[in-house]
Amino acid sequence: MEDHSGILLESGTNELEIIEFDINNSKFGINVLKVKEIINPLPVTPIPHAHRNIVGIIQLRGEVMPVISLEKALGLTPNKVKSPLNEKFIVAEFNLLKVVFHVHHVSKIHRISWDNIEKPSELYDVDSSQVIGVINNPDNMILLLDFEKIIVDINPEAGIHKGQIKRLGARERSNKKIVAAEDSPLLRKLIHETLSLAGYENVEFFENGRDALSFLESLANDGKNIYDEVQLVITDIEMPQMDGHHFTKRIKENHRLSKLPVIIFSSLITDDLRHKGEQVGAADQVSKPEINELVLKIDQHIL
């Protein structure tokens, strides 16, 4: 599982590959792009006074990484009959971090369209839920987890902070219009607050790329000069219905929208994956939670 070079080589297909894994007989998924490798459990060194969801640390090829129990992080009742022989460590990298998730079994890889991933039910408390999407497979239901939130629950400093923006100083950007696609209600709120603090008060938010694209196309269809109405687009990558790469590709393929600068703001921006955004024509790419870097990129690209 170390080499993903043959996986989804083409960007902007609105597809992803997920690794299905089990915890206490429940099915969950993680985007393959977040996974560096899957290994058998290694000896774990406990850390005194660590967060309750952290089992300890391991050393893997000279790197020290925390091990997170997803069973504890998801608040699942321990399963006393699980087989230790099936347990795995998922070594992941996102949000500029490397972490290890302890799971009970890894089963298979699925290639699916974001269009087939449903938003979690309104019965969930979406601000605190750790589920970003529901995959309704013929055999079973798979929950796509919000691993970024699992990390922030353990270490709030790993999230977006207004303090990063205050260091940029006073500014006036309220006449600039930005469209942003972000599926997390909590992150929409944080991004709105931090961009407002940076002077960008006129931001229109959408919870997926499909809705944001429809809005942009409706402006163009109404005969409006899109570049008078919107000066820049920000998008996440992982979103149900339409992901950020496909959203960006659709903008660049539309001659009425193609000159709009698009900045991808995602936990999936790494040196290994940056080429995917470049392939679809993104003007820039910033890794969450580097909100100050995002603002500096907006300053560079906005008209």
C-alpha atoms as a PDB file:
ATOM      1  CA  MET A   1       0.000   0.000   0.000  1.00  0.00           C
ATOM      2  CA  GLU A   2       3.026   2.258  -0.163  1.00  0.00           C
ATOM      3  CA  ASP A   3       2.853   3.195  -3.864  1.00  0.00           C
ATOM      4  CA  HIS A   4      -0.297   4.872  -5.160  1.00  0.00           C
ATOM      5  CA  SER A   5       1.238   5.968  -8.451  1.00  0.00           C
ATOM      6  CA  GLY A   6      -1.191   3.852 -10.454  1.00  0.00           C
ATOM      7  CA  ILE A   7      -4.297   5.003  -8.641  1.00  0.00           C
ATOM      8  CA  LEU A   8      -6.573   7.542 -10.329  1.00  0.00           C
ATOM      9  CA  LEU A   9      -3.831   9.033 -12.455  1.00  0.00           C
ATOM     10  CA  GLU A  10      -6.300  11.382 -14.133  1.00  0.00           C
ATOM     11  CA  SER A  11      -7.411  14.374 -12.094  1.00  0.00           C
ATOM     12  CA  GLY A  12     -10.880  15.895 -12.118  1.00  0.00           C
ATOM     13  CA  THR A  13     -12.863  12.704 -12.786  1.00  0.00           C
ATOM     14  CA  ASN A  14     -15.061  13.324  -9.705  1.00  0.00           C
ATOM     15  CA  GLU A  15     -14.041   9.886  -8.476  1.00  0.00           C
ATOM     16  CA  LEU A  16     -12.068   8.711  -5.498  1.00  0.00           C
ATOM     17  CA  GLU A  17     -10.772   5.456  -4.157  1.00  0.00           C
ATOM     18  CA  ILE A  18     -11.434   4.587  -0.559  1.00  0.00           C
ATOM     19  CA  ILE A  19      -9.969   1.926   1.659  1.00  0.00           C
ATOM     20  CA  GLU A  20     -12.715   0.096   3.523  1.00  0.00           C
ATOM     21  CA  PHE A  21     -11.910  -0.930   7.074  1.00  0.00           C
ATOM     22  CA  ASP A  22     -13.802  -2.337  10.042  1.00  0.00           C
ATOM     23  CA  ILE A  23     -14.115  -1.275  13.641  1.00  0.00           C
ATOM     24  CA  ASN A  24     -16.301  -3.503  15.777  1.00  0.00           C
ATOM     25  CA  ASN A  25     -17.985  -4.909  12.640  1.00  0.00           C
ATOM     26  CA  SER A  26     -18.959  -1.430  11.402  1.00  0.00           C
ATOM     27  CA  LYS A  27     -17.717  -0.319   7.969  1.00  0.00           C
ATOM     28  CA  PHE A  28     -15.753   2.894   7.489  1.00  0.00           C
ATOM     29  CA  GLY A  29     -13.691   4.442   4.712  1.00  0.00           C
ATOM     30  CA  ILE A  30     -10.634   6.636   4.218  1.00  0.00           C
ATOM     31  CA  ASN A  31      -9.555   8.322   0.993  1.00  0.00           C
ATOM     32  CA  VAL A  32      -6.620   6.429  -0.525  1.00  0.00           C
ATOM     33  CA  LEU A  33      -4.883   9.770  -1.081  1.00  0.00           C
ATOM     34  CA  LYS A  34      -4.578  10.191   2.689  1.00  0.00           C
ATOM     35  CA  VAL A  35      -2.928   6.793   3.158  1.00  0.00           C
ATOM     36  CA  LYS A  36       0.844   6.305   2.983  1.00  0.00           C
ATOM     37  CA  GLU A  37       0.790   2.602   3.841  1.00  0.00           C
ATOM     38  CA  ILE A  38      -0.975  -0.095   5.837  1.00  0.00           C
ATOM     39  CA  ILE A  39       1.125  -2.176   8.225  1.00  0.00           C
ATOM     40  CA  ASN A  40       0.752  -4.805  10.884  1.00  0.00           C
ATOM     41  CA  PRO A  41       0.661  -3.318  14.393  1.00  0.00           C
ATOM     42  CA  LEU A  42       4.040  -2.401  15.877  1.00  0.00           C
ATOM     43  CA  PRO A  43       4.928  -2.156  19.581  1.00  0.00           C
ATOM     44  CA  VAL A  44       3.414   1.053  20.955  1.00  0.00           C
ATOM     45  CA  THR A  45       5.074   3.221  23.576  1.00  0.00           C
ATOM     46  CA  PRO A  46       2.462   4.765  25.900  1.00  0.00           C
ATOM     47  CA  ILE A  47       2.663   8.500  26.616  1.00  0.00           C
ATOM     48  CA  PRO A  48       1.829   9.716  30.152  1.00  0.00           C
ATOM     49  CA  HIS A  49      -1.201  12.050  30.309  1.00  0.00           C
ATOM     50  CA  ALA A  50      -1.850  11.708  26.582  1.00  0.00           C
ATOM     51  CA  HIS A  51      -5.295  12.378  25.121  1.00  0.00           C
ATOM     52  CA  ARG A  52      -7.649   9.453  25.759  1.00  0.00           C
ATOM     53  CA  ASN A  53      -7.844   8.662  22.015  1.00  0.00           C
ATOM     54  CA  ILE A  54      -4.057   8.339  21.657  1.00  0.00           C
ATOM     55  CA  VAL A  55      -2.748   4.854  22.355  1.00  0.00           C
ATOM     56  CA  GLY A  56       0.883   5.986  22.296  1.00  0.00           C
ATOM     57  CA  ILE A  57       3.639   6.448  19.737  1.00  0.00           C
ATOM     58  CA  ILE A  58       5.536   4.220  17.315  1.00  0.00           C
ATOM     59  CA  GLN A  59       8.754   4.647  15.389  1.00  0.00           C
ATOM     60  CA  LEU A  60       8.523   3.817  11.695  1.00  0.00           C
ATOM     61  CA  ARG A  61      11.664   4.131   9.569  1.00  0.00           C
ATOM     62  CA  GLY A  62      13.074   6.778  11.860  1.00  0.00           C
ATOM     63  CA  GLU A  63       9.861   8.816  12.193  1.00  0.00           C
ATOM     64  CA  VAL A  64       7.933   9.006  15.463  1.00  0.00           C
ATOM     65  CA  MET A  65       4.157   9.091  14.973  1.00  0.00           C
ATOM     66  CA  PRO A  66       1.149   9.075  17.304  1.00  0.00           C
ATOM     67  CA  VAL A  67      -1.200   6.088  17.208  1.00  0.00           C
ATOM     68  CA  ILE A  68      -4.910   6.957  17.434  1.00  0.00           C
ATOM     69  CA  SER A  69      -7.541   4.411  18.418  1.00  0.00           C
ATOM     70  CA  LEU A  70     -10.468   4.984  16.073  1.00  0.00           C
ATOM     71  CA  GLU A  71     -12.583   2.802  18.338  1.00  0.00           C
ATOM     72  CA  LYS A  72     -12.130   5.368  21.112  1.00  0.00           C
ATOM     73  CA  ALA A  73     -12.266   8.398  18.810  1.00  0.00           C
ATOM     74  CA  LEU A  74     -15.649   7.303  17.452  1.00  0.00           C
ATOM     75  CA  GLY A  75     -17.006   6.425  20.895  1.00  0.00           C
ATOM     76  CA  LEU A  76     -17.687   2.817  19.944  1.00  0.00           C
ATOM     77  CA  THR A  77     -18.232   0.149  22.573  1.00  0.00           C
ATOM     78  CA  PRO A  78     -15.170  -2.126  22.720  1.00  0.00           C
ATOM     79  CA  ASN A  79     -15.648  -5.451  20.969  1.00  0.00           C
ATOM     80  CA  LYS A  80     -14.174  -8.171  23.172  1.00  0.00           C
ATOM     81  CA  VAL A  81     -14.379 -10.862  20.478  1.00  0.00           C
ATOM     82  CA  LYS A  82     -12.346  -9.072  17.786  1.00  0.00           C
ATOM     83  CA  SER A  83      -9.358 -10.955  16.387  1.00  0.00           C
ATOM     84  CA  PRO A  84      -5.966  -9.303  17.079  1.00  0.00           C
ATOM     85  CA  LEU A  85      -4.579 -11.153  14.051  1.00  0.00           C
ATOM     86  CA  ASN A  86      -6.668  -8.955  11.707  1.00  0.00           C
ATOM     87  CA  GLU A  87      -5.786  -5.615  13.262  1.00  0.00           C
ATOM     88  CA  LYS A  88      -3.901  -3.050  11.178  1.00  0.00           C
ATOM     89  CA  PHE A  89      -2.222   0.323  11.462  1.00  0.00           C
ATOM     90  CA  ILE A  90      -3.194   2.825   8.747  1.00  0.00           C
ATOM     91  CA  VAL A  91      -0.331   5.294   8.312  1.00  0.00           C
ATOM     92  CA  ALA A  92      -1.840   8.545   7.015  1.00  0.00           C
ATOM     93  CA  GLU A  93      -0.632  11.985   5.949  1.00  0.00           C
ATOM     94  CA  PHE A  94      -2.841  15.068   5.665  1.00  0.00           C
ATOM     95  CA  ASN A  95      -3.074  18.587   7.121  1.00  0.00           C
ATOM     96  CA  LEU A  96       0.759  18.602   7.087  1.00  0.00           C
ATOM     97  CA  LEU A  97       0.715  15.798   9.697  1.00  0.00           C
ATOM     98  CA  LYS A  98       1.582  12.107   9.769  1.00  0.00           C
ATOM     99  CA  VAL A  99      -0.512   9.945  12.084  1.00  0.00           C
ATOM    100  CA  VAL A 100      -1.364   6.272  12.554  1.00  0.00           C
ATOM    101  CA  PHE A 101      -4.925   4.973  12.934  1.00  0.00           C
ATOM    102  CA  HIS A 102      -5.483   1.660  14.706  1.00  0.00           C
ATOM    103  CA  VAL A 103      -8.302  -0.324  13.054  1.00  0.00           C
ATOM    104  CA  HIS A 104      -9.584  -3.872  13.453  1.00  0.00           C
ATOM    105  CA  HIS A 105      -9.564  -5.043   9.853  1.00  0.00           C
ATOM    106  CA  VAL A 106      -8.820  -3.689   6.361  1.00  0.00           C
ATOM    107  CA  SER A 107     -10.882  -5.326   3.653  1.00  0.00           C
ATOM    108  CA  LYS A 108     -10.799  -3.763   0.171  1.00  0.00           C
ATOM    109  CA  ILE A 109     -10.477  -0.691  -2.040  1.00  0.00           C
ATOM    110  CA  HIS A 110     -13.547   0.822  -3.727  1.00  0.00           C
ATOM    111  CA  ARG A 111     -13.514   3.229  -6.653  1.00  0.00           C
ATOM    112  CA  ILE A 112     -16.620   5.391  -6.532  1.00  0.00           C
ATOM    113  CA  SER A 113     -17.976   8.713  -7.742  1.00  0.00           C
ATOM    114  CA  TRP A 114     -18.445  11.599  -5.335  1.00  0.00           C
ATOM    115  CA  ASP A 115     -21.882  11.887  -6.925  1.00  0.00           C
ATOM    116  CA  ASN A 116     -22.781   8.592  -5.210  1.00  0.00           C
ATOM    117  CA  ILE A 117     -21.690   9.780  -1.770  1.00  0.00           C
ATOM    118  CA  GLU A 118     -24.573  11.222   0.201  1.00  0.00           C
ATOM    119  CA  LYS A 119     -24.363  13.980   2.735  1.00  0.00           C
ATOM    120  CA  PRO A 120     -24.897  12.674   6.298  1.00  0.00           C
ATOM    121  CA  SER A 121     -28.488  12.675   7.472  1.00  0.00           C
ATOM    122  CA  GLU A 122     -29.819  15.800   9.149  1.00  0.00           C
ATOM    123  CA  LEU A 123     -30.358  13.540  12.134  1.00  0.00           C
ATOM    124  CA  TYR A 124     -26.622  13.861  12.724  1.00  0.00           C
ATOM    125  CA  ASP A 125     -25.234  16.835  14.586  1.00  0.00           C
ATOM    126  CA  VAL A 126     -23.099  17.770  11.600  1.00  0.00           C
ATOM    127  CA  ASP A 127     -20.996  20.275  13.519  1.00  0.00           C
ATOM    128  CA  SER A 128     -19.703  17.535  15.785  1.00  0.00           C
ATOM    129  CA  SER A 129     -20.177  14.434  13.654  1.00  0.00           C
ATOM    130  CA  GLN A 130     -17.079  12.644  12.429  1.00  0.00           C
ATOM    131  CA  VAL A 131     -18.844  11.494   9.248  1.00  0.00           C
ATOM    132  CA  ILE A 132     -18.552  13.529   6.028  1.00  0.00           C
ATOM    133  CA  GLY A 133     -20.345  11.120   3.687  1.00  0.00           C
ATOM    134  CA  VAL A 134     -22.374   7.932   3.428  1.00  0.00           C
ATOM    135  CA  ILE A 135     -21.606   5.365   0.726  1.00  0.00           C
ATOM    136  CA  ASN A 136     -24.589   3.115   0.147  1.00  0.00           C
ATOM    137  CA  ASN A 137     -22.964  -0.026  -1.266  1.00  0.00           C
ATOM    138  CA  PRO A 138     -25.105  -2.955  -2.448  1.00  0.00           C
ATOM    139  CA  ASP A 139     -23.532  -5.145   0.254  1.00  0.00           C
ATOM    140  CA  ASN A 140     -23.249  -2.675   3.110  1.00  0.00           C
ATOM    141  CA  MET A 141     -23.184   0.962   4.114  1.00  0.00           C
ATOM    142  CA  ILE A 142     -19.767   2.614   4.469  1.00  0.00           C
ATOM    143  CA  LEU A 143     -19.234   5.789   6.464  1.00  0.00           C
ATOM    144  CA  LEU A 144     -16.568   8.152   5.144  1.00  0.00           C
ATOM    145  CA  LEU A 145     -14.901   9.648   8.200  1.00  0.00           C
ATOM    146  CA  ASP A 146     -13.806  13.229   8.833  1.00  0.00           C
ATOM    147  CA  PHE A 147     -10.241  12.469   9.888  1.00  0.00           C
ATOM    148  CA  GLU A 148      -9.374  16.158  10.098  1.00  0.00           C
ATOM    149  CA  LYS A 149     -11.978  16.647  12.819  1.00  0.00           C
ATOM    150  CA  ILE A 150     -10.745  13.560  14.668  1.00  0.00           C
ATOM    151  CA  ILE A 151      -7.293  15.197  14.776  1.00  0.00           C
ATOM    152  CA  VAL A 152      -8.629  18.617  15.829  1.00  0.00           C
ATOM    153  CA  ASP A 153     -10.664  16.996  18.627  1.00  0.00           C
ATOM    154  CA  ILE A 154      -7.370  15.685  20.001  1.00  0.00           C
ATOM    155  CA  ASN A 155      -5.327  18.821  19.293  1.00  0.00           C
ATOM    156  CA  PRO A 156      -7.341  22.012  18.655  1.00  0.00           C
ATOM    157  CA  GLU A 157      -4.103  23.785  17.657  1.00  0.00           C
ATOM    158  CA  ALA A 158      -4.167  21.692  14.465  1.00  0.00           C
ATOM    159  CA  GLY A 159      -7.204  23.670  13.255  1.00  0.00           C
ATOM    160  CA  ILE A 160      -7.781  27.117  11.746  1.00  0.00           C
ATOM    161  CA  HIS A 161      -7.019  30.067  14.032  1.00  0.00           C
ATOM    162  CA  LYS A 162      -7.892  33.741  13.766  1.00  0.00           C
ATOM    163  CA  GLY A 163      -4.608  34.674  15.432  1.00  0.00           C
ATOM    164  CA  GLN A 164      -2.767  33.754  12.252  1.00  0.00           C
ATOM    165  CA  ILE A 165      -4.744  36.428  10.382  1.00  0.00           C
ATOM    166  CA  LYS A 166      -4.298  39.224  12.920  1.00  0.00           C
ATOM    167  CA  ARG A 167      -0.582  39.225  12.213  1.00  0.00           C
ATOM    168  CA  LEU A 168      -1.297  40.284   8.613  1.00  0.00           C
ATOM    169  CA  GLY A 169      -2.520  43.679   9.843  1.00  0.00           C
ATOM    170  CA  ALA A 170      -5.497  45.875   8.929  1.00  0.00           C
ATOM    171  CA  ARG A 171      -6.829  45.639   5.373  1.00  0.00           C
ATOM    172  CA  GLU A 172      -9.870  46.555   3.290  1.00  0.00           C
ATOM    173  CA  ARG A 173     -11.081  43.975   0.755  1.00  0.00           C
ATOM    174  CA  SER A 174     -14.866  44.145   1.226  1.00  0.00           C
ATOM    175  CA  ASN A 175     -15.500  45.069  -2.422  1.00  0.00           C
ATOM    176  CA  LYS A 176     -14.065  41.745  -3.579  1.00  0.00           C
ATOM    177  CA  LYS A 177     -16.463  38.816  -4.115  1.00  0.00           C
ATOM    178  CA  ILE A 178     -15.303  35.258  -3.424  1.00  0.00           C
ATOM    179  CA  VAL A 179     -17.139  31.973  -3.985  1.00  0.00           C
ATOM    180  CA  ALA A 180     -16.136  29.144  -1.637  1.00  0.00           C
ATOM    181  CA  ALA A 181     -17.034  25.436  -1.747  1.00  0.00           C
ATOM    182  CA  GLU A 182     -16.617  23.622   1.597  1.00  0.00           C
ATOM    183  CA  ASP A 183     -18.788  20.786   2.873  1.00  0.00           C
ATOM    184  CA  SER A 184     -18.042  21.127   6.597  1.00  0.00           C
ATOM    185  CA  PRO A 185     -20.400  23.589   8.379  1.00  0.00           C
ATOM    186  CA  LEU A 186     -17.801  24.103  11.077  1.00  0.00           C
ATOM    187  CA  LEU A 187     -15.068  24.934   8.558  1.00  0.00           C
ATOM    188  CA  ARG A 188     -17.388  27.200   6.573  1.00  0.00           C
ATOM    189  CA  LYS A 189     -17.943  29.178   9.753  1.00  0.00           C
ATOM    190  CA  LEU A 190     -14.223  29.317  10.586  1.00  0.00           C
ATOM    191  CA  ILE A 191     -13.209  30.279   7.059  1.00  0.00           C
ATOM    192  CA  HIS A 192     -15.904  32.965   6.944  1.00  0.00           C
ATOM    193  CA  GLU A 193     -14.741  34.436  10.254  1.00  0.00           C
ATOM    194  CA  THR A 194     -11.065  34.408   9.351  1.00  0.00           C
ATOM    195  CA  LEU A 195     -11.527  35.816   5.842  1.00  0.00           C
ATOM    196  CA  SER A 196     -13.751  38.566   7.272  1.00  0.00           C
ATOM    197  CA  LEU A 197     -10.994  39.398   9.714  1.00  0.00           C
ATOM    198  CA  ALA A 198      -8.634  39.622   6.730  1.00  0.00           C
ATOM    199  CA  GLY A 199     -10.991  42.108   5.038  1.00  0.00           C
ATOM    200  CA  TYR A 200     -12.689  39.659   2.665  1.00  0.00           C
ATOM    201  CA  GLU A 201     -16.241  40.024   3.963  1.00  0.00           C
ATOM    202  CA  ASN A 202     -18.082  39.229   0.738  1.00  0.00           C
ATOM    203  CA  VAL A 203     -17.816  35.422   0.536  1.00  0.00           C
ATOM    204  CA  GLU A 204     -20.599  33.209  -0.856  1.00  0.00           C
ATOM    205  CA  PHE A 205     -20.395  29.682   0.566  1.00  0.00           C
ATOM    206  CA  PHE A 206     -21.634  26.422  -0.960  1.00  0.00           C
ATOM    207  CA  GLU A 207     -21.442  22.969   0.575  1.00  0.00           C
ATOM    208  CA  ASN A 208     -20.171  21.211  -2.538  1.00  0.00           C
ATOM    209  CA  GLY A 209     -18.679  21.901  -5.938  1.00  0.00           C
ATOM    210  CA  ARG A 210     -21.882  21.087  -7.804  1.00  0.00           C
ATOM    211  CA  ASP A 211     -23.887  23.847  -6.109  1.00  0.00           C
ATOM    212  CA  ALA A 212     -21.032  26.341  -6.469  1.00  0.00           C
ATOM    213  CA  LEU A 213     -20.670  25.538 -10.184  1.00  0.00           C
ATOM    214  CA  SER A 214     -24.427  25.940 -10.713  1.00  0.00           C
ATOM    215  CA  PHE A 215     -24.240  29.380  -9.104  1.00  0.00           C
ATOM    216  CA  LEU A 216     -21.351  30.486 -11.323  1.00  0.00           C
ATOM    217  CA  GLU A 217     -23.041  29.110 -14.450  1.00  0.00           C
ATOM    218  CA  SER A 218     -26.305  30.880 -13.542  1.00  0.00           C
ATOM    219  CA  LEU A 219     -24.480  34.217 -13.384  1.00  0.00           C
ATOM    220  CA  ALA A 220     -22.972  33.591 -16.825  1.00  0.00           C
ATOM    221  CA  ASN A 221     -26.321  32.413 -18.229  1.00  0.00           C
ATOM    222  CA  ASP A 222     -27.955  35.627 -17.024  1.00  0.00           C
ATOM    223  CA  GLY A 223     -25.601  37.515 -19.309  1.00  0.00           C
ATOM    224  CA  LYS A 224     -23.572  39.023 -16.481  1.00  0.00           C
ATOM    225  CA  ASN A 225     -19.853  39.569 -16.758  1.00  0.00           C
ATOM    226  CA  ILE A 226     -18.677  36.851 -14.380  1.00  0.00           C
ATOM    227  CA  TYR A 227     -15.478  38.728 -13.585  1.00  0.00           C
ATOM    228  CA  ASP A 228     -17.499  41.700 -12.297  1.00  0.00           C
ATOM    229  CA  GLU A 229     -19.571  39.395 -10.095  1.00  0.00           C
ATOM    230  CA  VAL A 230     -16.860  37.076  -8.730  1.00  0.00           C
ATOM    231  CA  GLN A 231     -13.142  37.671  -8.445  1.00  0.00           C
ATOM    232  CA  LEU A 232     -11.902  34.348  -7.046  1.00  0.00           C
ATOM    233  CA  VAL A 233     -12.977  30.798  -6.119  1.00  0.00           C
ATOM    234  CA  ILE A 234     -11.834  28.746  -3.119  1.00  0.00           C
ATOM    235  CA  THR A 235     -12.569  25.030  -2.962  1.00  0.00           C
ATOM    236  CA  ASP A 236     -11.992  22.029  -0.749  1.00  0.00           C
ATOM    237  CA  ILE A 237     -11.231  18.717  -2.473  1.00  0.00           C
ATOM    238  CA  GLU A 238     -13.234  16.104  -0.562  1.00  0.00           C
ATOM    239  CA  MET A 239     -16.933  16.978  -0.972  1.00  0.00           C
ATOM    240  CA  PRO A 240     -20.006  14.818  -1.688  1.00  0.00           C
ATOM    241  CA  GLN A 241     -21.684  15.303  -5.094  1.00  0.00           C
ATOM    242  CA  MET A 242     -18.729  17.064  -6.745  1.00  0.00           C
ATOM    243  CA  ASP A 243     -15.164  17.230  -5.482  1.00  0.00           C
ATOM    244  CA  GLY A 244     -12.842  20.211  -5.766  1.00  0.00           C
ATOM    245  CA  HIS A 245     -10.681  18.832  -8.557  1.00  0.00           C
ATOM    246  CA  HIS A 246     -13.688  18.183 -10.809  1.00  0.00           C
ATOM    247  CA  PHE A 247     -15.189  21.548  -9.853  1.00  0.00           C
ATOM    248  CA  THR A 248     -11.958  23.295 -10.856  1.00  0.00           C
ATOM    249  CA  LYS A 249     -11.780  21.345 -14.106  1.00  0.00           C
ATOM    250  CA  ARG A 250     -15.352  22.316 -14.998  1.00  0.00           C
ATOM    251  CA  ILE A 251     -14.584  25.999 -14.381  1.00  0.00           C
ATOM    252  CA  LYS A 252     -11.509  25.869 -16.605  1.00  0.00           C
ATOM    253  CA  GLU A 253     -13.392  24.049 -19.377  1.00  0.00           C
ATOM    254  CA  ASN A 254     -16.115  26.732 -19.486  1.00  0.00           C
ATOM    255  CA  HIS A 255     -14.952  29.620 -21.689  1.00  0.00           C
ATOM    256  CA  ARG A 256     -17.167  32.052 -19.734  1.00  0.00           C
ATOM    257  CA  LEU A 257     -15.571  31.087 -16.396  1.00  0.00           C
ATOM    258  CA  SER A 258     -12.106  29.898 -17.333  1.00  0.00           C
ATOM    259  CA  LYS A 259     -10.218  33.035 -16.263  1.00  0.00           C
ATOM    260  CA  LEU A 260     -11.512  32.838 -12.685  1.00  0.00           C
ATOM    261  CA  PRO A 261      -8.579  32.017 -10.388  1.00  0.00           C
ATOM    262  CA  VAL A 262      -9.256  28.914  -8.269  1.00  0.00           C
ATOM    263  CA  ILE A 263      -7.383  28.222  -5.042  1.00  0.00           C
ATOM    264  CA  ILE A 264      -7.663  24.705  -3.635  1.00  0.00           C
ATOM    265  CA  PHE A 265      -7.691  24.760   0.192  1.00  0.00           C
ATOM    266  CA  SER A 266      -7.529  21.159   1.370  1.00  0.00           C
ATOM    267  CA  SER A 267      -5.914  18.722   3.770  1.00  0.00           C
ATOM    268  CA  LEU A 268      -4.776  16.744   0.716  1.00  0.00           C
ATOM    269  CA  ILE A 269      -2.195  19.268  -0.483  1.00  0.00           C
ATOM    270  CA  THR A 270       1.149  17.485  -0.241  1.00  0.00           C
ATOM    271  CA  ASP A 271       4.231  17.416  -2.453  1.00  0.00           C
ATOM    272  CA  ASP A 272       3.121  14.011  -3.773  1.00  0.00           C
ATOM    273  CA  LEU A 273      -0.420  15.168  -4.647  1.00  0.00           C
ATOM    274  CA  ARG A 274       0.097  18.765  -5.735  1.00  0.00           C
ATOM    275  CA  HIS A 275       0.262  17.698  -9.391  1.00  0.00           C
ATOM    276  CA  LYS A 276      -3.446  16.778  -9.299  1.00  0.00           C
ATOM    277  CA  GLY A 277      -4.465  20.385  -8.716  1.00  0.00           C
ATOM    278  CA  GLU A 278      -2.016  21.582 -11.343  1.00  0.00           C
ATOM    279  CA  GLN A 279      -3.536  19.199 -13.903  1.00  0.00           C
ATOM    280  CA  VAL A 280      -7.004  20.739 -13.513  1.00  0.00           C
ATOM    281  CA  GLY A 281      -5.739  24.324 -13.679  1.00  0.00           C
ATOM    282  CA  ALA A 282      -5.774  25.519 -10.069  1.00  0.00           C
ATOM    283  CA  ALA A 283      -4.081  28.897  -9.648  1.00  0.00           C
ATOM    284  CA  ASP A 284      -2.709  27.849  -6.272  1.00  0.00           C
ATOM    285  CA  GLN A 285      -3.026  25.165  -3.616  1.00  0.00           C
ATOM    286  CA  VAL A 286      -2.849  25.636   0.150  1.00  0.00           C
ATOM    287  CA  SER A 287      -2.893  22.944   2.800  1.00  0.00           C
ATOM    288  CA  LYS A 288      -5.321  23.218   5.677  1.00  0.00           C
ATOM    289  CA  PRO A 289      -5.072  24.703   8.233  1.00  0.00           C
ATOM    290  CA  GLU A 290      -2.676  27.345   6.802  1.00  0.00           C
ATOM    291  CA  ILE A 291      -5.313  30.090   6.651  1.00  0.00           C
ATOM    292  CA  ASN A 292      -2.727  32.894   6.657  1.00  0.00           C
ATOM    293  CA  GLU A 293      -1.096  31.373   3.575  1.00  0.00           C
ATOM    294  CA  LEU A 294      -4.547  31.164   1.952  1.00  0.00           C
ATOM    295  CA  VAL A 295      -5.119  34.889   2.523  1.00  0.00           C
ATOM    296  CA  LEU A 296      -1.713  35.762   1.051  1.00  0.00           C
ATOM    297  CA  LYS A 297      -2.523  33.666  -2.051  1.00  0.00           C
ATOM    298  CA  ILE A 298      -5.909  35.395  -2.377  1.00  0.00           C
ATOM    299  CA  ASP A 299      -4.110  38.747  -2.244  1.00  0.00           C
ATOM    300  CA  GLN A 300      -1.888  37.639  -5.119  1.00  0.00           C
ATOM    301  CA  HIS A 301      -4.601  36.309  -7.411  1.00  0.00           C
ATOM    302  CA  ILE A 302      -7.670  38.437  -6.810  1.00  0.00           C
ATOM    303  CA  LEU A 303      -8.417  41.126  -9.393  1.00  0.00           C
END
